[in-house]
Amino acid sequence: MAAPTVASRLLDVMEFDVLPMTERGVAAGNKVFGAALLRKSDMSLVLAGTNSETDNPLLHGEISTLNQFYELPDRPATSDLVFLSTHEPCPLCLSAITWAGFDNFYYFFTYEDSRDAFGIPHDLRILEEVFGVRDGNYRRTNAFWTCDSISHLVESEAEPLRTHLREQDRRIRDVYAGLSETYQNSKGNNDIPFN
């Protein structure tokens, strides 16, 4: 059997590592965002995390994951890792990824998905109001890192893998849609800013 591609491995980590944690997080009143770190050398999982905003509004999925990472006794260098974000990182998380020294990240859902499918428009609004960046058009390749959407990676795969990955993508999106509905129905019960 062929080695997994970057796209297939990132989708597997989303579905089998991040998503179960996110289900528990949403049940506790948190948003649907999560992240994971993988080794570039073999795409093995270092750790996965999810949003913990009910504990602290700064504990977005990426920040929670980074906090766990910096608690590891023998953590690898960030230059040796792939950063996976379930949703295109907000300005806080973009900065944290940069300050932590990651040279890459991949995301599954776009800002438009967060706004339209999840009812969470804050990323686009903050980017525009604070930084003057319209429509989330930050530089996806810059002096610090490059980023790409997992959807773009999936679409660049050859058949029959592309069809298989599209099916997995749809399966993941369907679970997240249900989690979003659960979160939206319960968010009045928490005091998270920018629900």
N, C-alpha and C. Protein backbone atom coordinates (compact mmCIF):
# COMPACT_ATOMS: atom_id res chain seq x y z
N MET A 1 0.84 -1.19 0.00
CA MET A 1 0.00 0.00 0.00
C MET A 1 0.88 1.25 0.00
N ALA A 2 0.49 2.23 -0.75
CA ALA A 2 1.26 3.47 -0.87
C ALA A 2 1.19 4.26 0.43
N ALA A 3 2.25 5.02 0.67
CA ALA A 3 2.28 5.89 1.84
C ALA A 3 1.17 6.93 1.72
N PRO A 4 0.61 7.34 2.84
CA PRO A 4 -0.45 8.35 2.77
C PRO A 4 0.10 9.68 2.24
N THR A 5 -0.74 10.37 1.51
CA THR A 5 -0.37 11.70 1.04
C THR A 5 -0.60 12.69 2.17
N VAL A 6 -0.12 13.90 2.02
CA VAL A 6 -0.34 14.94 3.03
C VAL A 6 -1.85 15.14 3.21
N ALA A 7 -2.58 15.23 2.12
CA ALA A 7 -4.02 15.46 2.20
C ALA A 7 -4.72 14.34 2.95
N SER A 8 -4.39 13.09 2.62
CA SER A 8 -5.07 11.97 3.28
C SER A 8 -4.71 11.90 4.76
N ARG A 9 -3.48 12.17 5.08
CA ARG A 9 -3.07 12.12 6.49
C ARG A 9 -3.73 13.24 7.30
N LEU A 10 -3.80 14.44 6.74
CA LEU A 10 -4.43 15.55 7.46
C LEU A 10 -5.92 15.27 7.69
N LEU A 11 -6.58 14.71 6.68
CA LEU A 11 -8.00 14.36 6.86
C LEU A 11 -8.18 13.28 7.92
N ASP A 12 -7.29 12.28 7.93
CA ASP A 12 -7.39 11.24 8.96
C ASP A 12 -7.21 11.83 10.36
N VAL A 13 -6.25 12.72 10.53
CA VAL A 13 -6.04 13.34 11.84
C VAL A 13 -7.27 14.17 12.24
N MET A 14 -7.83 14.89 11.27
CA MET A 14 -9.06 15.65 11.56
C MET A 14 -10.16 14.71 12.05
N GLU A 15 -10.39 13.64 11.29
CA GLU A 15 -11.53 12.77 11.57
C GLU A 15 -11.33 11.92 12.82
N PHE A 16 -10.14 11.39 13.02
CA PHE A 16 -9.96 10.39 14.07
C PHE A 16 -9.27 10.90 15.33
N ASP A 17 -8.64 12.06 15.27
CA ASP A 17 -7.95 12.60 16.44
C ASP A 17 -8.58 13.90 16.95
N VAL A 18 -8.72 14.87 16.05
CA VAL A 18 -9.24 16.18 16.48
C VAL A 18 -10.75 16.13 16.70
N LEU A 19 -11.47 15.54 15.79
CA LEU A 19 -12.93 15.55 15.85
C LEU A 19 -13.50 14.94 17.14
N PRO A 20 -13.00 13.79 17.61
CA PRO A 20 -13.53 13.27 18.88
C PRO A 20 -13.31 14.22 20.07
N MET A 21 -12.16 14.91 20.08
CA MET A 21 -11.89 15.88 21.14
C MET A 21 -12.85 17.07 21.02
N THR A 22 -13.11 17.48 19.79
CA THR A 22 -14.00 18.61 19.55
C THR A 22 -15.43 18.27 19.95
N GLU A 23 -15.84 17.04 19.72
CA GLU A 23 -17.18 16.62 20.16
C GLU A 23 -17.32 16.78 21.67
N ARG A 24 -16.30 16.38 22.41
CA ARG A 24 -16.33 16.55 23.87
C ARG A 24 -16.31 18.03 24.26
N GLY A 25 -15.51 18.82 23.53
CA GLY A 25 -15.42 20.25 23.80
C GLY A 25 -16.73 20.97 23.57
N VAL A 26 -17.39 20.65 22.47
CA VAL A 26 -18.68 21.27 22.17
C VAL A 26 -19.72 20.87 23.21
N ALA A 27 -19.68 19.63 23.65
CA ALA A 27 -20.60 19.18 24.70
C ALA A 27 -20.41 19.98 25.99
N ALA A 28 -19.19 20.51 26.19
CA ALA A 28 -18.90 21.33 27.37
C ALA A 28 -19.14 22.81 27.12
N GLY A 29 -19.64 23.18 25.92
CA GLY A 29 -19.99 24.56 25.62
C GLY A 29 -18.97 25.33 24.81
N ASN A 30 -17.93 24.68 24.32
CA ASN A 30 -16.89 25.34 23.54
C ASN A 30 -17.22 25.36 22.06
N LYS A 31 -16.53 26.24 21.32
CA LYS A 31 -16.68 26.31 19.88
C LYS A 31 -16.06 25.08 19.22
N VAL A 32 -16.21 25.00 17.90
CA VAL A 32 -15.86 23.81 17.13
C VAL A 32 -14.41 23.78 16.61
N PHE A 33 -13.56 24.67 17.05
CA PHE A 33 -12.23 24.80 16.48
C PHE A 33 -11.22 23.87 17.16
N GLY A 34 -10.31 23.32 16.36
CA GLY A 34 -9.26 22.44 16.89
C GLY A 34 -8.01 22.54 16.05
N ALA A 35 -6.98 21.82 16.48
CA ALA A 35 -5.70 21.84 15.78
C ALA A 35 -4.92 20.57 16.10
N ALA A 36 -3.86 20.36 15.34
CA ALA A 36 -2.97 19.23 15.58
C ALA A 36 -1.58 19.57 15.04
N LEU A 37 -0.60 18.88 15.59
CA LEU A 37 0.79 19.01 15.15
C LEU A 37 1.27 17.64 14.71
N LEU A 38 1.91 17.59 13.54
CA LEU A 38 2.43 16.34 12.99
C LEU A 38 3.89 16.53 12.60
N ARG A 39 4.64 15.44 12.67
CA ARG A 39 6.04 15.49 12.23
C ARG A 39 6.10 15.52 10.70
N LYS A 40 6.90 16.43 10.17
CA LYS A 40 7.09 16.50 8.71
C LYS A 40 7.70 15.21 8.18
N SER A 41 8.58 14.61 8.95
CA SER A 41 9.35 13.46 8.47
C SER A 41 8.50 12.26 8.14
N ASP A 42 7.48 11.97 8.95
CA ASP A 42 6.66 10.78 8.72
C ASP A 42 5.16 11.03 8.92
N MET A 43 4.79 12.28 9.14
CA MET A 43 3.39 12.68 9.35
C MET A 43 2.76 12.01 10.56
N SER A 44 3.57 11.59 11.52
CA SER A 44 3.03 11.02 12.75
C SER A 44 2.50 12.16 13.63
N LEU A 45 1.47 11.85 14.38
CA LEU A 45 0.84 12.84 15.23
C LEU A 45 1.68 13.10 16.47
N VAL A 46 1.95 14.37 16.74
CA VAL A 46 2.61 14.77 17.98
C VAL A 46 1.55 15.01 19.04
N LEU A 47 0.53 15.79 18.69
CA LEU A 47 -0.60 16.01 19.60
C LEU A 47 -1.72 16.71 18.87
N ALA A 48 -2.89 16.60 19.46
CA ALA A 48 -4.09 17.27 18.94
C ALA A 48 -4.74 18.01 20.08
N GLY A 49 -5.47 19.07 19.76
CA GLY A 49 -6.15 19.85 20.78
C GLY A 49 -7.42 20.45 20.23
N THR A 50 -8.19 21.01 21.13
CA THR A 50 -9.45 21.62 20.74
C THR A 50 -9.70 22.87 21.57
N ASN A 51 -10.70 23.61 21.18
CA ASN A 51 -11.08 24.86 21.83
C ASN A 51 -11.45 24.64 23.29
N SER A 52 -10.97 25.52 24.16
CA SER A 52 -11.29 25.47 25.59
C SER A 52 -11.69 26.86 26.09
N GLU A 53 -12.46 27.58 25.28
CA GLU A 53 -12.82 28.96 25.62
C GLU A 53 -13.66 29.08 26.88
N THR A 54 -14.34 28.02 27.29
CA THR A 54 -15.13 28.13 28.52
C THR A 54 -14.20 28.25 29.72
N ASP A 55 -12.94 27.81 29.59
CA ASP A 55 -11.95 28.00 30.66
C ASP A 55 -11.31 29.37 30.56
N ASN A 56 -11.07 29.83 29.32
CA ASN A 56 -10.37 31.09 29.08
C ASN A 56 -10.66 31.48 27.63
N PRO A 57 -11.18 32.68 27.37
CA PRO A 57 -11.54 33.06 26.00
C PRO A 57 -10.36 33.10 25.03
N LEU A 58 -9.14 33.03 25.53
CA LEU A 58 -7.97 32.99 24.65
C LEU A 58 -7.60 31.58 24.21
N LEU A 59 -8.25 30.57 24.79
CA LEU A 59 -7.89 29.19 24.49
C LEU A 59 -8.61 28.66 23.26
N HIS A 60 -8.34 29.31 22.14
CA HIS A 60 -8.83 28.82 20.86
C HIS A 60 -8.19 27.46 20.60
N GLY A 61 -8.67 26.74 19.61
CA GLY A 61 -8.13 25.41 19.33
C GLY A 61 -6.62 25.42 19.11
N GLU A 62 -6.14 26.39 18.36
CA GLU A 62 -4.71 26.47 18.08
C GLU A 62 -3.92 26.83 19.34
N ILE A 63 -4.45 27.75 20.13
CA ILE A 63 -3.75 28.17 21.34
C ILE A 63 -3.71 27.03 22.35
N SER A 64 -4.82 26.32 22.51
CA SER A 64 -4.84 25.16 23.42
C SER A 64 -3.80 24.13 22.98
N THR A 65 -3.72 23.90 21.68
CA THR A 65 -2.76 22.94 21.16
C THR A 65 -1.34 23.41 21.40
N LEU A 66 -1.07 24.69 21.16
CA LEU A 66 0.27 25.22 21.41
C LEU A 66 0.63 25.15 22.88
N ASN A 67 -0.32 25.43 23.77
CA ASN A 67 -0.03 25.32 25.20
C ASN A 67 0.35 23.89 25.56
N GLN A 68 -0.37 22.91 25.02
CA GLN A 68 -0.01 21.50 25.27
C GLN A 68 1.38 21.19 24.72
N PHE A 69 1.66 21.71 23.54
CA PHE A 69 2.96 21.48 22.91
C PHE A 69 4.10 21.99 23.79
N TYR A 70 3.95 23.19 24.34
CA TYR A 70 5.02 23.76 25.14
C TYR A 70 5.13 23.13 26.52
N GLU A 71 4.19 22.27 26.87
CA GLU A 71 4.30 21.49 28.11
C GLU A 71 5.01 20.16 27.90
N LEU A 72 5.24 19.77 26.64
CA LEU A 72 5.93 18.51 26.35
C LEU A 72 7.38 18.60 26.83
N PRO A 73 7.87 17.57 27.52
CA PRO A 73 9.25 17.62 28.02
C PRO A 73 10.29 17.56 26.90
N ASP A 74 10.04 16.81 25.85
CA ASP A 74 10.99 16.67 24.75
C ASP A 74 10.31 17.03 23.44
N ARG A 75 9.88 18.26 23.36
CA ARG A 75 9.14 18.66 22.15
C ARG A 75 10.09 18.86 20.97
N PRO A 76 9.62 18.48 19.79
CA PRO A 76 10.43 18.70 18.59
C PRO A 76 10.47 20.19 18.22
N ALA A 77 11.39 20.55 17.36
CA ALA A 77 11.46 21.93 16.87
C ALA A 77 10.25 22.21 15.99
N THR A 78 9.71 23.41 16.08
CA THR A 78 8.55 23.76 15.26
C THR A 78 8.88 23.66 13.77
N SER A 79 10.13 23.86 13.40
CA SER A 79 10.53 23.75 11.99
C SER A 79 10.40 22.32 11.47
N ASP A 80 10.27 21.35 12.37
CA ASP A 80 10.13 19.95 11.99
C ASP A 80 8.67 19.50 11.96
N LEU A 81 7.74 20.44 12.15
CA LEU A 81 6.34 20.07 12.32
C LEU A 81 5.43 20.69 11.26
N VAL A 82 4.33 20.03 11.04
CA VAL A 82 3.22 20.52 10.24
C VAL A 82 2.15 20.97 11.22
N PHE A 83 1.59 22.16 11.01
CA PHE A 83 0.52 22.69 11.85
C PHE A 83 -0.80 22.53 11.09
N LEU A 84 -1.73 21.81 11.69
CA LEU A 84 -3.07 21.60 11.13
C LEU A 84 -4.07 22.38 11.96
N SER A 85 -4.86 23.20 11.31
CA SER A 85 -5.92 23.95 11.96
C SER A 85 -7.25 23.55 11.32
N THR A 86 -8.23 23.22 12.12
CA THR A 86 -9.51 22.81 11.54
C THR A 86 -10.16 23.94 10.77
N HIS A 87 -10.00 25.16 11.25
CA HIS A 87 -10.57 26.35 10.61
C HIS A 87 -9.43 27.33 10.35
N GLU A 88 -9.55 28.07 9.29
CA GLU A 88 -8.54 29.07 8.97
C GLU A 88 -8.31 29.93 10.21
N PRO A 89 -7.07 30.04 10.68
CA PRO A 89 -6.81 30.66 11.97
C PRO A 89 -7.21 32.14 12.05
N CYS A 90 -7.79 32.49 13.18
CA CYS A 90 -8.15 33.88 13.46
C CYS A 90 -6.88 34.70 13.64
N PRO A 91 -6.98 36.03 13.76
CA PRO A 91 -5.79 36.85 13.93
C PRO A 91 -4.96 36.47 15.16
N LEU A 92 -5.61 36.11 16.27
CA LEU A 92 -4.88 35.68 17.46
C LEU A 92 -4.05 34.45 17.14
N CYS A 93 -4.66 33.47 16.49
CA CYS A 93 -3.99 32.21 16.21
C CYS A 93 -2.96 32.34 15.09
N LEU A 94 -3.24 33.19 14.08
CA LEU A 94 -2.22 33.47 13.07
C LEU A 94 -0.96 34.02 13.74
N SER A 95 -1.14 34.92 14.67
CA SER A 95 0.01 35.50 15.38
C SER A 95 0.71 34.46 16.23
N ALA A 96 -0.05 33.62 16.92
CA ALA A 96 0.56 32.59 17.78
C ALA A 96 1.37 31.59 16.95
N ILE A 97 0.83 31.17 15.81
CA ILE A 97 1.54 30.25 14.92
C ILE A 97 2.85 30.90 14.48
N THR A 98 2.80 32.18 14.16
CA THR A 98 3.98 32.92 13.72
C THR A 98 4.99 33.04 14.85
N TRP A 99 4.55 33.52 16.02
CA TRP A 99 5.45 33.72 17.15
C TRP A 99 6.06 32.41 17.64
N ALA A 100 5.34 31.30 17.47
CA ALA A 100 5.87 29.99 17.89
C ALA A 100 6.93 29.46 16.91
N GLY A 101 7.02 30.06 15.73
CA GLY A 101 8.07 29.69 14.79
C GLY A 101 7.69 28.63 13.77
N PHE A 102 6.41 28.36 13.58
CA PHE A 102 5.99 27.41 12.55
C PHE A 102 6.18 28.03 11.18
N ASP A 103 6.64 27.24 10.23
CA ASP A 103 6.84 27.76 8.88
C ASP A 103 5.72 27.35 7.93
N ASN A 104 4.65 26.76 8.48
CA ASN A 104 3.54 26.30 7.66
C ASN A 104 2.29 26.13 8.50
N PHE A 105 1.15 26.10 7.84
CA PHE A 105 -0.06 25.55 8.42
C PHE A 105 -1.03 25.21 7.29
N TYR A 106 -1.88 24.25 7.60
CA TYR A 106 -2.95 23.83 6.70
C TYR A 106 -4.26 23.99 7.44
N TYR A 107 -5.31 24.36 6.73
CA TYR A 107 -6.62 24.52 7.36
C TYR A 107 -7.67 23.81 6.52
N PHE A 108 -8.75 23.39 7.20
CA PHE A 108 -9.83 22.65 6.55
C PHE A 108 -10.96 23.60 6.14
N PHE A 109 -11.54 24.30 7.10
CA PHE A 109 -12.63 25.24 6.82
C PHE A 109 -12.05 26.64 6.60
N THR A 110 -12.65 27.39 5.69
CA THR A 110 -12.21 28.76 5.41
C THR A 110 -12.90 29.75 6.34
N TYR A 111 -12.46 31.01 6.29
CA TYR A 111 -13.14 32.07 7.04
C TYR A 111 -14.60 32.17 6.62
N GLU A 112 -14.84 32.01 5.32
CA GLU A 112 -16.22 32.09 4.83
C GLU A 112 -17.06 30.95 5.40
N ASP A 113 -16.47 29.77 5.53
CA ASP A 113 -17.17 28.66 6.18
C ASP A 113 -17.49 29.00 7.63
N SER A 114 -16.52 29.56 8.35
CA SER A 114 -16.75 29.93 9.75
C SER A 114 -17.91 30.92 9.85
N ARG A 115 -17.94 31.88 8.94
CA ARG A 115 -19.00 32.89 8.95
C ARG A 115 -20.34 32.29 8.52
N ASP A 116 -20.36 31.62 7.39
CA ASP A 116 -21.62 31.21 6.77
C ASP A 116 -22.17 29.89 7.31
N ALA A 117 -21.33 28.90 7.46
CA ALA A 117 -21.80 27.58 7.90
C ALA A 117 -21.83 27.44 9.41
N PHE A 118 -20.98 28.22 10.11
CA PHE A 118 -20.87 28.07 11.56
C PHE A 118 -21.43 29.25 12.34
N GLY A 119 -21.82 30.31 11.64
CA GLY A 119 -22.38 31.47 12.33
C GLY A 119 -21.37 32.17 13.23
N ILE A 120 -20.09 32.10 12.86
CA ILE A 120 -19.02 32.72 13.66
C ILE A 120 -18.23 33.64 12.73
N PRO A 121 -18.66 34.91 12.60
CA PRO A 121 -18.07 35.83 11.62
C PRO A 121 -16.89 36.65 12.14
N HIS A 122 -16.46 36.40 13.35
CA HIS A 122 -15.53 37.30 14.03
C HIS A 122 -14.15 37.40 13.37
N ASP A 123 -13.66 36.29 12.78
CA ASP A 123 -12.34 36.32 12.17
C ASP A 123 -12.27 37.37 11.07
N LEU A 124 -13.21 37.33 10.15
CA LEU A 124 -13.21 38.30 9.05
C LEU A 124 -13.41 39.72 9.56
N ARG A 125 -14.26 39.87 10.54
CA ARG A 125 -14.53 41.22 11.07
C ARG A 125 -13.30 41.80 11.76
N ILE A 126 -12.61 40.98 12.58
CA ILE A 126 -11.42 41.46 13.27
C ILE A 126 -10.30 41.77 12.27
N LEU A 127 -10.11 40.89 11.29
CA LEU A 127 -9.09 41.15 10.28
C LEU A 127 -9.33 42.49 9.59
N GLU A 128 -10.59 42.78 9.28
CA GLU A 128 -10.89 44.04 8.59
C GLU A 128 -10.81 45.24 9.53
N GLU A 129 -11.45 45.15 10.68
CA GLU A 129 -11.52 46.31 11.58
C GLU A 129 -10.18 46.65 12.23
N VAL A 130 -9.43 45.66 12.64
CA VAL A 130 -8.18 45.91 13.35
C VAL A 130 -7.00 46.06 12.40
N PHE A 131 -6.95 45.20 11.37
CA PHE A 131 -5.77 45.16 10.52
C PHE A 131 -5.99 45.72 9.12
N GLY A 132 -7.22 46.08 8.78
CA GLY A 132 -7.50 46.62 7.46
C GLY A 132 -7.38 45.58 6.35
N VAL A 133 -7.52 44.32 6.70
CA VAL A 133 -7.43 43.23 5.73
C VAL A 133 -8.84 42.84 5.34
N ARG A 134 -9.22 43.16 4.12
CA ARG A 134 -10.58 42.87 3.64
C ARG A 134 -10.69 41.44 3.14
N ASP A 135 -11.83 40.84 3.42
CA ASP A 135 -12.17 39.51 2.92
C ASP A 135 -11.16 38.42 3.29
N GLY A 136 -10.43 38.62 4.38
CA GLY A 136 -9.48 37.61 4.82
C GLY A 136 -8.29 37.41 3.91
N ASN A 137 -7.96 38.44 3.12
CA ASN A 137 -6.90 38.31 2.12
C ASN A 137 -5.51 38.63 2.68
N TYR A 138 -5.11 37.91 3.73
CA TYR A 138 -3.75 38.04 4.23
C TYR A 138 -2.81 37.32 3.26
N ARG A 139 -1.52 37.50 3.42
CA ARG A 139 -0.54 36.86 2.52
C ARG A 139 -0.36 35.40 2.93
N ARG A 140 -0.77 34.49 2.07
CA ARG A 140 -0.68 33.06 2.37
C ARG A 140 0.74 32.51 2.23
N THR A 141 1.59 33.26 1.61
CA THR A 141 3.02 32.99 1.58
C THR A 141 3.70 34.28 1.98
N ASN A 142 4.52 34.21 3.01
CA ASN A 142 5.18 35.42 3.52
C ASN A 142 6.53 35.03 4.12
N ALA A 143 7.19 35.97 4.76
CA ALA A 143 8.53 35.71 5.31
C ALA A 143 8.51 34.71 6.47
N PHE A 144 7.34 34.46 7.05
CA PHE A 144 7.26 33.58 8.22
C PHE A 144 6.78 32.18 7.89
N TRP A 145 5.76 32.07 7.05
CA TRP A 145 5.16 30.76 6.77
C TRP A 145 4.43 30.76 5.43
N THR A 146 4.07 29.55 5.02
CA THR A 146 3.15 29.36 3.90
C THR A 146 1.97 28.56 4.44
N CYS A 147 0.82 28.76 3.83
CA CYS A 147 -0.34 28.00 4.25
C CYS A 147 -1.11 27.55 3.02
N ASP A 148 -1.95 26.55 3.24
CA ASP A 148 -2.77 26.04 2.15
C ASP A 148 -4.01 25.40 2.75
N SER A 149 -5.06 25.35 1.96
CA SER A 149 -6.27 24.68 2.42
C SER A 149 -6.17 23.19 2.11
N ILE A 150 -6.73 22.39 2.97
CA ILE A 150 -6.75 20.96 2.74
C ILE A 150 -7.58 20.66 1.50
N SER A 151 -8.63 21.43 1.27
CA SER A 151 -9.44 21.23 0.06
C SER A 151 -8.60 21.37 -1.20
N HIS A 152 -7.70 22.34 -1.21
CA HIS A 152 -6.80 22.51 -2.35
C HIS A 152 -5.92 21.28 -2.53
N LEU A 153 -5.40 20.74 -1.43
CA LEU A 153 -4.58 19.54 -1.50
C LEU A 153 -5.39 18.36 -2.05
N VAL A 154 -6.63 18.22 -1.56
CA VAL A 154 -7.49 17.13 -2.02
C VAL A 154 -7.70 17.22 -3.53
N GLU A 155 -8.00 18.41 -4.01
CA GLU A 155 -8.29 18.58 -5.43
C GLU A 155 -7.07 18.35 -6.31
N SER A 156 -5.88 18.41 -5.73
CA SER A 156 -4.67 18.17 -6.52
C SER A 156 -4.28 16.69 -6.58
N GLU A 157 -5.00 15.85 -5.84
CA GLU A 157 -4.72 14.41 -5.86
C GLU A 157 -5.26 13.76 -7.13
N ALA A 158 -4.62 12.69 -7.55
CA ALA A 158 -5.08 11.92 -8.70
C ALA A 158 -6.23 11.00 -8.29
N GLU A 159 -7.00 10.60 -9.26
CA GLU A 159 -8.04 9.60 -9.02
C GLU A 159 -7.40 8.22 -8.90
N PRO A 160 -7.95 7.30 -8.16
CA PRO A 160 -9.23 7.35 -7.45
C PRO A 160 -9.13 7.97 -6.05
N LEU A 161 -7.90 8.35 -5.62
CA LEU A 161 -7.73 8.89 -4.27
C LEU A 161 -8.56 10.16 -4.08
N ARG A 162 -8.60 11.04 -5.09
CA ARG A 162 -9.34 12.29 -4.95
C ARG A 162 -10.80 12.04 -4.58
N THR A 163 -11.44 11.09 -5.24
CA THR A 163 -12.84 10.78 -4.93
C THR A 163 -12.99 10.26 -3.51
N HIS A 164 -12.09 9.40 -3.09
CA HIS A 164 -12.11 8.89 -1.71
C HIS A 164 -11.95 10.03 -0.70
N LEU A 165 -11.02 10.95 -0.96
CA LEU A 165 -10.78 12.06 -0.04
C LEU A 165 -11.96 13.04 -0.04
N ARG A 166 -12.59 13.23 -1.18
CA ARG A 166 -13.80 14.07 -1.21
C ARG A 166 -14.90 13.48 -0.34
N GLU A 167 -15.04 12.16 -0.36
CA GLU A 167 -16.04 11.51 0.49
C GLU A 167 -15.70 11.69 1.97
N GLN A 168 -14.43 11.56 2.30
CA GLN A 168 -14.01 11.77 3.69
C GLN A 168 -14.23 13.22 4.10
N ASP A 169 -13.91 14.14 3.21
CA ASP A 169 -14.15 15.56 3.44
C ASP A 169 -15.62 15.80 3.77
N ARG A 170 -16.51 15.23 2.98
CA ARG A 170 -17.95 15.40 3.19
C ARG A 170 -18.38 14.81 4.53
N ARG A 171 -17.86 13.65 4.86
CA ARG A 171 -18.18 13.02 6.14
C ARG A 171 -17.78 13.93 7.31
N ILE A 172 -16.59 14.49 7.23
CA ILE A 172 -16.11 15.39 8.28
C ILE A 172 -16.99 16.64 8.36
N ARG A 173 -17.30 17.22 7.21
CA ARG A 173 -18.15 18.41 7.19
C ARG A 173 -19.52 18.14 7.81
N ASP A 174 -20.07 16.97 7.54
CA ASP A 174 -21.38 16.63 8.10
C ASP A 174 -21.34 16.56 9.63
N VAL A 175 -20.28 15.97 10.18
CA VAL A 175 -20.16 15.90 11.64
C VAL A 175 -20.00 17.31 12.21
N TYR A 176 -19.18 18.12 11.58
CA TYR A 176 -18.99 19.49 12.06
C TYR A 176 -20.29 20.30 11.97
N ALA A 177 -21.11 20.06 10.96
CA ALA A 177 -22.39 20.77 10.85
C ALA A 177 -23.26 20.46 12.06
N GLY A 178 -23.30 19.21 12.46
CA GLY A 178 -24.06 18.84 13.66
C GLY A 178 -23.49 19.46 14.91
N LEU A 179 -22.16 19.49 15.03
CA LEU A 179 -21.52 20.12 16.19
C LEU A 179 -21.80 21.62 16.22
N SER A 180 -21.80 22.24 15.06
CA SER A 180 -22.10 23.67 14.99
C SER A 180 -23.51 23.95 15.49
N GLU A 181 -24.44 23.12 15.07
CA GLU A 181 -25.82 23.29 15.52
C GLU A 181 -25.92 23.14 17.03
N THR A 182 -25.23 22.15 17.57
CA THR A 182 -25.22 21.96 19.03
C THR A 182 -24.64 23.19 19.72
N TYR A 183 -23.51 23.69 19.22
CA TYR A 183 -22.90 24.88 19.81
C TYR A 183 -23.83 26.08 19.73
N GLN A 184 -24.39 26.33 18.56
CA GLN A 184 -25.26 27.50 18.38
C GLN A 184 -26.47 27.43 19.32
N ASN A 185 -27.00 26.23 19.54
CA ASN A 185 -28.16 26.08 20.42
C ASN A 185 -27.82 26.24 21.90
N SER A 186 -26.54 26.09 22.25
CA SER A 186 -26.16 26.14 23.66
C SER A 186 -25.35 27.37 24.03
N LYS A 187 -24.95 28.18 23.07
CA LYS A 187 -24.00 29.26 23.36
C LYS A 187 -24.54 30.33 24.30
N GLY A 188 -25.82 30.43 24.45
CA GLY A 188 -26.37 31.39 25.41
C GLY A 188 -26.07 31.02 26.84
N ASN A 189 -25.61 29.79 27.05
CA ASN A 189 -25.34 29.31 28.41
C ASN A 189 -23.90 29.55 28.85
N ASN A 190 -23.09 30.23 28.03
CA ASN A 190 -21.70 30.50 28.42
C ASN A 190 -21.43 32.00 28.33
N ASP A 191 -20.30 32.40 28.85
CA ASP A 191 -19.96 33.83 28.81
C ASP A 191 -18.74 34.08 27.92
N ILE A 192 -18.61 33.31 26.85
CA ILE A 192 -17.51 33.50 25.91
C ILE A 192 -17.77 34.78 25.12
N PRO A 193 -16.81 35.72 25.12
CA PRO A 193 -16.97 36.89 24.24
C PRO A 193 -17.02 36.42 22.80
N PHE A 194 -17.67 37.15 21.97
CA PHE A 194 -17.76 36.84 20.54
C PHE A 194 -18.30 35.44 20.29
N ASN A 195 -19.44 35.14 20.91
CA ASN A 195 -20.10 33.87 20.64
C ASN A 195 -20.45 33.84 19.19
